[in-house]
Amino acid sequence: MILCGVLDIHIDLLVKLGLGVSVAFLTVLLVAESFHIIGADYFRFHPVIIFEIYAIINLMQLAFEYDPRD
């Protein structure tokens, strides 16, 4: 994603694929951290989970609204 931005690459499939992979990675992290909170009662991850939920929603919105012609 950083490389697409730096080199000004506007390939629709590449950008949306990068956003999808980012969302998938954050979702996997969210599930792994929820196992720690629920299973081990380790409540230090709450701020991180709130940030990850925000990041997932933000990346999904970017992927939905992305228009390479703009």
N, C-alpha and C. Protein backbone atom coordinates (compact mmCIF):
# COMPACT_ATOMS: atom_id res chain seq x y z
N MET A 1 0.82 -1.18 0.00
CA MET A 1 0.00 0.00 0.00
C MET A 1 0.87 1.26 0.00
N ILE A 2 1.93 1.24 0.78
CA ILE A 2 2.82 2.41 0.81
C ILE A 2 3.49 2.59 -0.55
N LEU A 3 3.89 1.49 -1.16
CA LEU A 3 4.54 1.56 -2.47
C LEU A 3 3.59 2.10 -3.54
N CYS A 4 2.32 1.72 -3.47
CA CYS A 4 1.33 2.25 -4.42
C CYS A 4 1.17 3.76 -4.25
N GLY A 5 1.19 4.21 -3.00
CA GLY A 5 1.06 5.64 -2.75
C GLY A 5 2.28 6.44 -3.16
N VAL A 6 3.46 5.89 -2.87
CA VAL A 6 4.69 6.61 -3.19
C VAL A 6 4.91 6.69 -4.69
N LEU A 7 4.67 5.60 -5.40
CA LEU A 7 4.90 5.57 -6.84
C LEU A 7 3.70 6.04 -7.65
N ASP A 8 2.62 6.46 -6.96
CA ASP A 8 1.41 6.96 -7.60
C ASP A 8 0.83 5.93 -8.57
N ILE A 9 0.70 4.70 -8.08
CA ILE A 9 0.14 3.61 -8.87
C ILE A 9 -1.36 3.55 -8.61
N HIS A 10 -2.14 3.60 -9.67
CA HIS A 10 -3.60 3.59 -9.53
C HIS A 10 -4.20 2.36 -10.20
N ILE A 11 -3.66 1.20 -9.94
CA ILE A 11 -4.23 -0.04 -10.46
C ILE A 11 -5.30 -0.48 -9.47
N ASP A 12 -6.53 -0.49 -9.93
CA ASP A 12 -7.68 -0.73 -9.06
C ASP A 12 -7.56 -2.06 -8.32
N LEU A 13 -7.22 -3.11 -9.03
CA LEU A 13 -7.14 -4.44 -8.42
C LEU A 13 -6.05 -4.49 -7.36
N LEU A 14 -4.91 -3.90 -7.64
CA LEU A 14 -3.78 -3.93 -6.72
C LEU A 14 -4.08 -3.16 -5.43
N VAL A 15 -4.70 -2.01 -5.56
CA VAL A 15 -5.02 -1.20 -4.38
C VAL A 15 -6.09 -1.88 -3.54
N LYS A 16 -7.14 -2.38 -4.17
CA LYS A 16 -8.20 -3.05 -3.40
C LYS A 16 -7.71 -4.35 -2.78
N LEU A 17 -6.82 -5.05 -3.46
CA LEU A 17 -6.24 -6.26 -2.90
C LEU A 17 -5.39 -5.92 -1.67
N GLY A 18 -4.62 -4.86 -1.75
CA GLY A 18 -3.82 -4.43 -0.60
C GLY A 18 -4.68 -4.04 0.58
N LEU A 19 -5.76 -3.32 0.32
CA LEU A 19 -6.68 -2.95 1.40
C LEU A 19 -7.35 -4.19 2.00
N GLY A 20 -7.72 -5.14 1.16
CA GLY A 20 -8.34 -6.37 1.65
C GLY A 20 -7.39 -7.20 2.49
N VAL A 21 -6.14 -7.28 2.08
CA VAL A 21 -5.14 -8.02 2.87
C VAL A 21 -4.91 -7.33 4.21
N SER A 22 -4.89 -6.01 4.21
CA SER A 22 -4.71 -5.27 5.46
C SER A 22 -5.87 -5.52 6.42
N VAL A 23 -7.08 -5.51 5.91
CA VAL A 23 -8.25 -5.79 6.74
C VAL A 23 -8.22 -7.22 7.26
N ALA A 24 -7.84 -8.16 6.42
CA ALA A 24 -7.77 -9.56 6.85
C ALA A 24 -6.73 -9.74 7.95
N PHE A 25 -5.57 -9.10 7.81
CA PHE A 25 -4.52 -9.20 8.82
C PHE A 25 -4.98 -8.60 10.15
N LEU A 26 -5.62 -7.44 10.10
CA LEU A 26 -6.12 -6.83 11.34
C LEU A 26 -7.22 -7.66 11.98
N THR A 27 -8.04 -8.32 11.17
CA THR A 27 -9.08 -9.18 11.72
C THR A 27 -8.49 -10.39 12.41
N VAL A 28 -7.44 -10.97 11.85
CA VAL A 28 -6.77 -12.10 12.50
C VAL A 28 -6.16 -11.65 13.82
N LEU A 29 -5.54 -10.48 13.85
CA LEU A 29 -4.99 -9.96 15.10
C LEU A 29 -6.08 -9.72 16.13
N LEU A 30 -7.22 -9.21 15.69
CA LEU A 30 -8.33 -8.96 16.59
C LEU A 30 -8.84 -10.25 17.22
N VAL A 31 -8.95 -11.30 16.42
CA VAL A 31 -9.40 -12.60 16.94
C VAL A 31 -8.38 -13.16 17.93
N ALA A 32 -7.09 -13.06 17.62
CA ALA A 32 -6.06 -13.57 18.52
C ALA A 32 -6.05 -12.80 19.84
N GLU A 33 -6.23 -11.50 19.79
CA GLU A 33 -6.25 -10.72 21.02
C GLU A 33 -7.51 -10.98 21.82
N SER A 34 -8.62 -11.26 21.16
CA SER A 34 -9.84 -11.57 21.91
C SER A 34 -9.72 -12.90 22.64
N PHE A 35 -8.93 -13.84 22.11
CA PHE A 35 -8.67 -15.08 22.85
C PHE A 35 -7.94 -14.79 24.15
N HIS A 36 -7.02 -13.84 24.14
CA HIS A 36 -6.31 -13.48 25.36
C HIS A 36 -7.24 -12.82 26.37
N ILE A 37 -8.12 -11.98 25.89
CA ILE A 37 -9.02 -11.27 26.80
C ILE A 37 -10.06 -12.22 27.39
N ILE A 38 -10.67 -13.03 26.54
CA ILE A 38 -11.73 -13.92 27.01
C ILE A 38 -11.15 -15.12 27.76
N GLY A 39 -10.12 -15.75 27.18
CA GLY A 39 -9.60 -16.97 27.78
C GLY A 39 -8.71 -16.76 28.98
N ALA A 40 -7.85 -15.75 28.94
CA ALA A 40 -6.86 -15.58 30.01
C ALA A 40 -7.18 -14.39 30.91
N ASP A 41 -8.30 -13.74 30.69
CA ASP A 41 -8.68 -12.55 31.46
C ASP A 41 -7.57 -11.51 31.48
N TYR A 42 -6.99 -11.26 30.34
CA TYR A 42 -5.89 -10.32 30.21
C TYR A 42 -6.44 -9.05 29.58
N PHE A 43 -6.80 -8.09 30.42
CA PHE A 43 -7.58 -6.93 29.97
C PHE A 43 -6.73 -5.75 29.49
N ARG A 44 -5.44 -5.93 29.29
CA ARG A 44 -4.61 -4.82 28.84
C ARG A 44 -4.80 -4.52 27.34
N PHE A 45 -5.42 -5.39 26.60
CA PHE A 45 -5.55 -5.23 25.16
C PHE A 45 -6.75 -4.39 24.74
N HIS A 46 -7.56 -3.90 25.68
CA HIS A 46 -8.76 -3.17 25.29
C HIS A 46 -8.50 -1.95 24.42
N PRO A 47 -7.53 -1.06 24.74
CA PRO A 47 -7.30 0.08 23.83
C PRO A 47 -6.84 -0.36 22.44
N VAL A 48 -6.06 -1.42 22.37
CA VAL A 48 -5.59 -1.90 21.08
C VAL A 48 -6.75 -2.44 20.25
N ILE A 49 -7.66 -3.14 20.89
CA ILE A 49 -8.81 -3.70 20.18
C ILE A 49 -9.71 -2.58 19.65
N ILE A 50 -9.90 -1.54 20.44
CA ILE A 50 -10.71 -0.41 19.97
C ILE A 50 -10.06 0.24 18.75
N PHE A 51 -8.74 0.41 18.79
CA PHE A 51 -8.03 0.98 17.64
C PHE A 51 -8.13 0.06 16.42
N GLU A 52 -8.01 -1.24 16.61
CA GLU A 52 -8.08 -2.17 15.48
C GLU A 52 -9.46 -2.20 14.86
N ILE A 53 -10.49 -2.14 15.67
CA ILE A 53 -11.85 -2.09 15.12
C ILE A 53 -12.03 -0.82 14.29
N TYR A 54 -11.52 0.30 14.80
CA TYR A 54 -11.58 1.55 14.03
C TYR A 54 -10.80 1.43 12.73
N ALA A 55 -9.61 0.84 12.78
CA ALA A 55 -8.78 0.70 11.58
C ALA A 55 -9.44 -0.21 10.56
N ILE A 56 -10.06 -1.30 11.01
CA ILE A 56 -10.75 -2.21 10.10
C ILE A 56 -11.90 -1.49 9.40
N ILE A 57 -12.70 -0.76 10.16
CA ILE A 57 -13.83 -0.04 9.57
C ILE A 57 -13.33 1.03 8.59
N ASN A 58 -12.26 1.73 8.97
CA ASN A 58 -11.72 2.78 8.12
C ASN A 58 -11.16 2.20 6.81
N LEU A 59 -10.42 1.10 6.88
CA LEU A 59 -9.88 0.48 5.67
C LEU A 59 -10.97 -0.08 4.77
N MET A 60 -12.02 -0.65 5.38
CA MET A 60 -13.13 -1.16 4.57
C MET A 60 -13.86 -0.01 3.87
N GLN A 61 -14.00 1.12 4.55
CA GLN A 61 -14.63 2.28 3.92
C GLN A 61 -13.77 2.82 2.79
N LEU A 62 -12.45 2.86 2.99
CA LEU A 62 -11.55 3.30 1.92
C LEU A 62 -11.65 2.39 0.70
N ALA A 63 -11.69 1.09 0.92
CA ALA A 63 -11.79 0.14 -0.19
C ALA A 63 -13.11 0.30 -0.93
N PHE A 64 -14.18 0.58 -0.20
CA PHE A 64 -15.49 0.73 -0.81
C PHE A 64 -15.57 2.01 -1.64
N GLU A 65 -14.98 3.09 -1.13
CA GLU A 65 -15.09 4.39 -1.80
C GLU A 65 -13.97 4.66 -2.79
N TYR A 66 -13.00 3.76 -2.93
CA TYR A 66 -11.84 4.01 -3.80
C TYR A 66 -12.27 4.06 -5.26
N ASP A 67 -11.87 5.12 -5.92
CA ASP A 67 -12.14 5.28 -7.34
C ASP A 67 -10.85 5.71 -8.02
N PRO A 68 -10.24 4.85 -8.83
CA PRO A 68 -8.94 5.19 -9.41
C PRO A 68 -8.99 6.32 -10.44
N ARG A 69 -10.16 6.71 -10.87
CA ARG A 69 -10.26 7.77 -11.88
C ARG A 69 -10.17 9.16 -11.27
N ASP A 70 -10.25 9.27 -9.95
CA ASP A 70 -10.18 10.60 -9.30
C ASP A 70 -8.77 11.07 -9.13
